[in-house]
């Protein structure tokens, strides 16, 4: 079979076949009377073998070694090829995300494209200061894709930069909710925390409340607390158990108490919140610090007969520190407050 016929049959160009011959990779078995290359059936099979190995990403040198060296084992090389392919895919995915981000910004000219690229480079900087500056100093009128900011929020570990990103995301003109919702389902608890914190600042966006409600059942306590604070501020009573738990545990208890106060103003919710705190008071009878935190939370609630009765009882509590603090809350007298300070100093 002449070289032209082989090229048509195999799909390999005549130029490449000559290159294979020069390298000694596939040499035709014979020559015609006129000196033209003549390929046997075995030569054609070898061409297909070469093309098959090339399709896996092997160089021509590696192909030659694989076909000629009986001791050559493919396992190590295939492992390297897998890693190289993964690296290329990661680079291609990164490029695709950049192009999508630019497309989402609806650029009207190349200057808009350059500004978005500059922002992306700043957000991806190794310097936290530069990342923050890139977010806060973007020019007016430059549309920043919300999904770009949402992805940066989920990846950001510096609290100051994260705050700037959440601020920018909430004001980006888009919601980025699909990216944040995916982050809230991540296997990484840190990413879920970042997602819930960002969604908490965007509760009016459709779908945000549902994601936060799911987060109340998250296995990570920090995620649950962030979700409870956000939902409680918007009158969602399902957050009550988590908020009461925060008061008991002394974790962001002041914030939790304030939110419980907001919830107690919801129709029919005051007695529920009060009862939940009273139940914890009974369970925490031997712990004065916890009882004081619970009393402080009770003070934040809307006035109800149950709340007033419990506070009066606490003002007469057997634990002196509890009684003094509650008396100061409900009475507000300067003499009682001074006594509390004297007692703490002792």
Protein backbone atom coordinates (compact mmCIF):
# COMPACT_ATOMS: atom_id res chain seq x y z
CA UNK A 1 0.00 0.00 0.00
CA UNK A 2 1.45 3.35 -1.04
CA UNK A 3 1.71 6.30 1.32
CA UNK A 4 -1.27 8.13 -0.20
CA UNK A 5 -3.48 5.06 0.24
CA UNK A 6 -2.27 4.61 3.84
CA UNK A 7 -3.03 8.26 4.59
CA UNK A 8 -6.60 7.91 3.28
CA UNK A 9 -7.13 4.60 5.10
CA UNK A 10 -5.63 5.62 8.45
CA UNK A 11 -6.50 9.31 8.59
CA UNK A 12 -2.83 10.16 9.25
CA UNK A 13 -1.44 12.76 6.87
CA UNK A 14 1.35 11.89 4.44
CA UNK A 15 3.48 14.52 6.12
CA UNK A 16 3.07 12.82 9.51
CA UNK A 17 3.76 9.39 7.98
CA UNK A 18 7.04 10.71 6.58
CA UNK A 19 7.82 12.14 10.03
CA UNK A 20 7.18 8.72 11.60
CA UNK A 21 9.57 7.22 9.04
CA UNK A 22 12.26 9.79 9.84
CA UNK A 23 11.96 9.06 13.56
CA UNK A 24 12.04 5.33 12.96
CA UNK A 25 8.65 5.02 14.59
CA UNK A 26 6.86 3.46 11.59
CA UNK A 27 9.09 2.57 8.66
CA UNK A 28 7.53 1.09 5.53
CA UNK A 29 8.60 -2.49 4.95
CA UNK A 30 9.38 -1.98 1.28
CA UNK A 31 9.86 0.30 -1.66
CA UNK A 32 8.40 0.17 -5.12
CA UNK A 33 10.54 -0.06 -8.24
CA UNK A 34 10.22 3.68 -8.48
CA UNK A 35 11.44 4.12 -4.90
CA UNK A 36 8.09 5.01 -3.31
CA UNK A 37 7.28 3.91 0.25
CA UNK A 38 5.26 0.71 0.36
CA UNK A 39 3.49 -0.25 3.59
CA UNK A 40 2.53 -3.78 4.60
CA UNK A 41 -0.52 -4.75 6.64
CA UNK A 42 1.77 -4.98 9.70
CA UNK A 43 3.03 -1.45 9.06
CA UNK A 44 -0.54 -0.16 8.97
CA UNK A 45 -1.36 -1.94 12.24
CA UNK A 46 1.68 -0.27 13.83
CA UNK A 47 0.40 3.13 12.61
CA UNK A 48 -2.90 2.49 14.40
CA UNK A 49 -0.99 1.45 17.53
CA UNK A 50 0.98 4.70 17.41
CA UNK A 51 -2.18 6.77 16.99
CA UNK A 52 -3.90 4.93 19.83
CA UNK A 53 -1.06 5.67 22.25
CA UNK A 54 -0.86 9.29 21.09
CA UNK A 55 -4.58 9.66 21.84
CA UNK A 56 -3.74 8.93 25.51
CA UNK A 57 -1.38 11.89 25.60
CA UNK A 58 1.94 10.07 25.09
CA UNK A 59 4.70 11.90 23.26
CA UNK A 60 6.18 10.30 20.17
CA UNK A 61 9.29 9.41 22.18
CA UNK A 62 7.15 7.68 24.80
CA UNK A 63 5.19 5.89 22.05
CA UNK A 64 8.40 4.55 20.55
CA UNK A 65 9.61 3.31 23.91
CA UNK A 66 6.27 1.66 24.66
CA UNK A 67 6.32 -0.22 21.35
CA UNK A 68 10.00 -1.21 21.37
CA UNK A 69 11.02 -1.78 25.01
CA UNK A 70 9.72 -5.13 26.36
CA UNK A 71 10.57 -4.00 29.91
CA UNK A 72 8.49 -0.83 29.63
CA UNK A 73 5.58 -0.87 32.10
CA UNK A 74 2.64 1.45 31.52
CA UNK A 75 1.45 1.88 35.12
CA UNK A 76 3.73 4.74 36.19
CA UNK A 77 3.36 6.59 32.89
CA UNK A 78 -0.42 6.22 32.87
CA UNK A 79 -0.50 7.62 36.41
CA UNK A 80 1.50 10.64 35.24
CA UNK A 81 -0.83 11.08 32.29
CA UNK A 82 -3.83 11.09 34.59
CA UNK A 83 -2.29 13.81 36.75
CA UNK A 84 -1.38 15.91 33.70
CA UNK A 85 -4.89 15.52 32.32
CA UNK A 86 -6.38 16.56 35.67
CA UNK A 87 -4.15 19.65 35.74
CA UNK A 88 -5.21 20.58 32.21
CA UNK A 89 -8.87 20.10 33.10
CA UNK A 90 -8.49 22.30 36.17
CA UNK A 91 -6.90 25.01 34.04
CA UNK A 92 -9.63 24.70 31.44
CA UNK A 93 -12.34 24.89 34.11
CA UNK A 94 -10.72 28.00 35.56
CA UNK A 95 -10.62 29.57 32.12
CA UNK A 96 -14.26 28.63 31.54
CA UNK A 97 -15.31 30.24 34.82
CA UNK A 98 -13.42 33.41 33.92
CA UNK A 99 -15.10 33.58 30.53
CA UNK A 100 -18.53 32.99 32.09
CA UNK A 101 -17.89 35.71 34.66
CA UNK A 102 -16.94 38.17 31.92
CA UNK A 103 -19.96 37.18 29.85
CA UNK A 104 -22.27 37.61 32.88
CA UNK A 105 -21.02 41.17 33.35
CA UNK A 106 -22.39 42.04 29.88
CA UNK A 107 -19.32 44.07 28.84
CA UNK A 108 -19.92 46.81 26.30
CA UNK A 109 -16.28 47.14 25.33
CA UNK A 110 -12.82 45.79 25.96
CA UNK A 111 -12.28 48.27 28.81
CA UNK A 112 -15.09 46.55 30.72
CA UNK A 113 -13.48 43.17 30.05
CA UNK A 114 -10.13 44.42 31.32
CA UNK A 115 -11.71 45.79 34.51
CA UNK A 116 -13.37 42.45 35.26
CA UNK A 117 -10.11 40.58 34.60
CA UNK A 118 -8.30 43.00 36.91
CA UNK A 119 -10.90 42.37 39.61
CA UNK A 120 -10.56 38.60 39.22
CA UNK A 121 -6.78 38.85 39.50
CA UNK A 122 -7.13 40.97 42.64
CA UNK A 123 -9.59 38.56 44.25
CA UNK A 124 -7.23 35.65 43.53
CA UNK A 125 -4.17 37.44 44.95
CA UNK A 126 -2.16 35.79 47.71
CA UNK A 127 -2.29 39.08 49.62
CA UNK A 128 -5.35 39.57 51.81
CA UNK A 129 -4.86 43.35 51.64
CA UNK A 130 -4.90 43.29 47.86
CA UNK A 131 -7.99 41.06 47.79
CA UNK A 132 -9.82 43.47 50.06
CA UNK A 133 -8.70 46.47 48.05
CA UNK A 134 -9.85 44.83 44.81
CA UNK A 135 -13.34 44.40 46.25
CA UNK A 136 -13.72 47.80 47.87
CA UNK A 137 -12.08 49.98 45.24
CA UNK A 138 -13.79 48.80 42.07
CA UNK A 139 -14.87 51.73 39.86
CA UNK A 140 -18.47 52.94 39.92
CA UNK A 141 -20.58 51.62 37.10
CA UNK A 142 -18.59 48.42 36.68
CA UNK A 143 -20.96 45.47 36.87
CA UNK A 144 -19.49 42.61 38.88
CA UNK A 145 -21.05 39.17 38.35
CA UNK A 146 -22.66 38.00 41.58
CA UNK A 147 -21.56 34.42 40.97
CA UNK A 148 -17.94 35.59 40.84
CA UNK A 149 -18.29 37.30 44.22
CA UNK A 150 -20.20 34.34 45.67
CA UNK A 151 -17.44 31.94 44.67
CA UNK A 152 -14.86 34.25 46.24
CA UNK A 153 -16.92 34.41 49.47
CA UNK A 154 -16.91 30.63 49.78
CA UNK A 155 -13.13 30.44 49.31
CA UNK A 156 -12.13 33.41 51.48
CA UNK A 157 -10.47 32.61 54.85
CA UNK A 158 -9.53 36.13 55.96
CA UNK A 159 -12.44 37.57 58.02
CA UNK A 160 -11.89 41.16 56.88
CA UNK A 161 -11.80 40.24 53.21
CA UNK A 162 -14.79 37.93 53.69
CA UNK A 163 -16.77 40.80 55.19
CA UNK A 164 -15.91 43.03 52.23
CA UNK A 165 -16.93 40.31 49.79
CA UNK A 166 -20.27 39.74 51.55
CA UNK A 167 -20.89 43.49 51.48
CA UNK A 168 -20.12 43.64 47.76
CA UNK A 169 -22.20 40.55 47.03
CA UNK A 170 -25.25 41.94 48.83
CA UNK A 171 -24.98 45.06 46.66
CA UNK A 172 -23.95 43.46 43.39
CA UNK A 173 -27.33 43.64 41.73
CA UNK A 174 -27.44 39.86 41.40
CA UNK A 175 -27.99 37.23 44.02
CA UNK A 176 -25.33 34.55 43.50
CA UNK A 177 -27.75 32.29 45.36
CA UNK A 178 -27.11 29.16 43.30
CA UNK A 179 -23.40 29.27 44.19
CA UNK A 180 -24.10 30.00 47.87
CA UNK A 181 -26.74 27.28 48.08
CA UNK A 182 -24.25 24.79 46.68
CA UNK A 183 -21.74 26.00 49.27
CA UNK A 184 -24.29 25.42 52.03
CA UNK A 185 -24.39 21.76 50.96
CA UNK A 186 -20.60 21.36 50.87
CA UNK A 187 -18.89 18.55 52.76
CA UNK A 188 -16.57 21.20 54.23
CA UNK A 189 -18.06 22.80 57.36
CA UNK A 190 -15.98 25.97 56.86
CA UNK A 191 -17.48 26.50 53.41
CA UNK A 192 -20.98 25.91 54.78
CA UNK A 193 -20.33 28.54 57.46
CA UNK A 194 -19.22 31.09 54.86
CA UNK A 195 -22.22 30.33 52.70
CA UNK A 196 -24.71 30.77 55.55
CA UNK A 197 -23.07 34.02 56.69
CA UNK A 198 -23.39 35.42 53.17
CA UNK A 199 -26.97 34.24 52.75
CA UNK A 200 -27.84 35.82 56.12
CA UNK A 201 -27.14 39.21 54.56
CA UNK A 202 -29.34 38.41 51.56
CA UNK A 203 -32.44 36.97 53.22
CA UNK A 204 -34.80 38.85 50.91
CA UNK A 205 -33.44 37.02 47.88
CA UNK A 206 -35.76 34.19 46.75
CA UNK A 207 -34.59 30.84 48.09
CA UNK A 208 -32.45 32.29 50.88
CA UNK A 209 -34.89 31.51 53.69
CA UNK A 210 -35.21 27.89 52.56
CA UNK A 211 -31.43 27.40 52.58
CA UNK A 212 -31.17 28.92 56.06
CA UNK A 213 -34.02 26.74 57.32
CA UNK A 214 -32.16 23.65 56.11
CA UNK A 215 -29.03 24.95 57.84
CA UNK A 216 -30.84 24.77 61.22
CA UNK A 217 -30.32 21.01 60.96
CA UNK A 218 -26.65 21.23 59.96
CA UNK A 219 -24.29 18.91 61.89
CA UNK A 220 -21.96 21.87 62.54
CA UNK A 221 -23.04 23.98 65.52
CA UNK A 222 -21.58 27.21 64.10
CA UNK A 223 -23.61 26.82 60.91
CA UNK A 224 -26.76 26.25 62.95
CA UNK A 225 -26.09 29.36 65.06
CA UNK A 226 -25.53 31.64 62.07
CA UNK A 227 -28.72 30.35 60.48
CA UNK A 228 -30.72 30.77 63.70
CA UNK A 229 -29.63 34.39 64.17
CA UNK A 230 -30.55 35.25 60.59
CA UNK A 231 -33.92 33.51 60.68
CA UNK A 232 -34.80 34.77 64.16
CA UNK A 233 -34.28 38.37 63.08
CA UNK A 234 -36.90 37.74 60.42
CA UNK A 235 -39.43 36.24 62.79
CA UNK A 236 -38.90 32.55 62.04
CA UNK A 237 -39.82 30.76 65.27
CA UNK A 238 -38.09 27.53 64.23
CA UNK A 239 -34.86 29.24 65.32
CA UNK A 240 -35.93 29.40 68.99
CA UNK A 241 -34.33 26.14 70.23
CA UNK A 242 -30.95 26.98 68.70
CA UNK A 243 -31.05 30.54 70.04
CA UNK A 244 -31.92 29.35 73.54
CA UNK A 245 -29.06 26.86 73.30
CA UNK A 246 -26.69 29.73 72.45
CA UNK A 247 -27.77 31.56 75.60
CA UNK A 248 -27.22 28.44 77.71
CA UNK A 249 -23.81 27.76 76.20
CA UNK A 250 -22.70 31.39 76.36
CA UNK A 251 -21.87 31.57 72.64
CA UNK A 252 -23.00 34.87 71.08
CA UNK A 253 -25.54 34.85 73.90
CA UNK A 254 -26.11 38.63 73.80
CA UNK A 255 -27.01 38.48 70.10
CA UNK A 256 -29.16 35.41 70.68
CA UNK A 257 -31.00 37.12 73.56
CA UNK A 258 -31.70 40.18 71.42
CA UNK A 259 -33.09 38.00 68.63
CA UNK A 260 -35.25 36.09 71.10
CA UNK A 261 -36.59 39.47 72.19
CA UNK A 262 -37.53 40.19 68.57
CA UNK A 263 -39.21 36.80 68.27
CA UNK A 264 -41.18 37.31 71.48
CA UNK A 265 -42.94 40.17 69.74
CA UNK A 266 -44.35 37.79 67.14
CA UNK A 267 -48.04 36.88 67.69
CA UNK A 268 -48.36 33.91 70.04
CA UNK A 269 -44.60 33.50 70.39
CA UNK A 270 -43.87 35.29 73.69
CA UNK A 271 -45.01 32.46 75.93
CA UNK A 272 -43.18 29.90 73.78
CA UNK A 273 -39.88 31.74 74.06
CA UNK A 274 -40.37 32.40 77.77
CA UNK A 275 -41.21 28.76 78.45
CA UNK A 276 -38.12 27.58 76.57
CA UNK A 277 -35.91 29.83 78.73
CA UNK A 278 -37.68 28.81 81.94
CA UNK A 279 -37.20 25.13 81.11
CA UNK A 280 -33.46 25.79 80.80
CA UNK A 281 -33.49 27.65 84.13
CA UNK A 282 -34.86 24.56 85.82
CA UNK A 283 -32.22 22.41 84.15
CA UNK A 284 -29.44 24.86 85.08
CA UNK A 285 -30.35 25.28 88.75
CA UNK A 286 -26.80 24.63 89.96
CA UNK A 287 -25.06 26.91 87.43
CA UNK A 288 -25.29 30.58 88.42
CA UNK A 289 -23.51 31.89 85.28
CA UNK A 290 -25.98 30.13 83.01
CA UNK A 291 -28.93 31.27 85.10
CA UNK A 292 -27.75 34.87 84.87
CA UNK A 293 -27.51 34.62 81.07
CA UNK A 294 -30.99 33.14 80.92
CA UNK A 295 -32.31 35.92 83.16
CA UNK A 296 -30.70 38.50 80.88
CA UNK A 297 -32.45 36.87 77.94
CA UNK A 298 -35.78 36.98 79.80
CA UNK A 299 -35.36 40.72 80.32
CA UNK A 300 -35.16 41.16 76.52
CA UNK A 301 -38.57 39.53 75.99
CA UNK A 302 -41.91 41.20 75.64
CA UNK A 303 -43.71 41.49 78.96
CA UNK A 304 -46.00 38.60 79.84
CA UNK A 305 -47.38 37.39 83.20
CA UNK A 306 -45.10 34.34 83.04
CA UNK A 307 -42.00 36.46 82.36
CA UNK A 308 -42.78 38.85 85.24
CA UNK A 309 -43.44 36.01 87.66
CA UNK A 310 -40.19 34.22 86.81
CA UNK A 311 -38.11 37.39 87.11
CA UNK A 312 -39.60 38.16 90.54
CA UNK A 313 -38.70 34.63 91.64
CA UNK A 314 -35.18 35.01 90.34
CA UNK A 315 -34.80 38.28 92.24
CA UNK A 316 -35.25 36.18 95.38
CA UNK A 317 -33.01 33.33 94.15
CA UNK A 318 -31.01 31.40 96.73
CA UNK A 319 -27.89 32.07 94.65
CA UNK A 320 -26.86 35.59 95.76
CA UNK A 321 -25.19 36.54 92.45
CA UNK A 322 -28.32 35.57 90.49
CA UNK A 323 -30.62 37.48 92.85
CA UNK A 324 -28.50 40.63 92.74
CA UNK A 325 -28.18 40.70 88.95
CA UNK A 326 -31.89 40.06 88.35
CA UNK A 327 -32.81 42.66 90.95
CA UNK A 328 -30.67 45.17 89.08
CA UNK A 329 -32.41 44.26 85.83
CA UNK A 330 -35.96 44.47 87.09
CA UNK A 331 -35.48 47.25 89.63
CA UNK A 332 -32.78 49.34 88.02
CA UNK A 333 -31.86 50.89 91.38
CA UNK A 334 -28.43 52.43 91.78
CA UNK A 335 -28.11 50.91 95.27
CA UNK A 336 -28.68 47.39 93.93
CA UNK A 337 -26.28 47.97 91.03
CA UNK A 338 -23.62 49.15 93.47
CA UNK A 339 -24.21 46.09 95.61
CA UNK A 340 -23.70 43.90 92.57
CA UNK A 341 -20.39 45.59 91.82
CA UNK A 342 -19.27 45.27 95.45
CA UNK A 343 -20.22 41.62 95.47
CA UNK A 344 -18.28 40.97 92.25
CA UNK A 345 -15.24 42.78 93.67
CA UNK A 346 -15.34 40.64 96.77
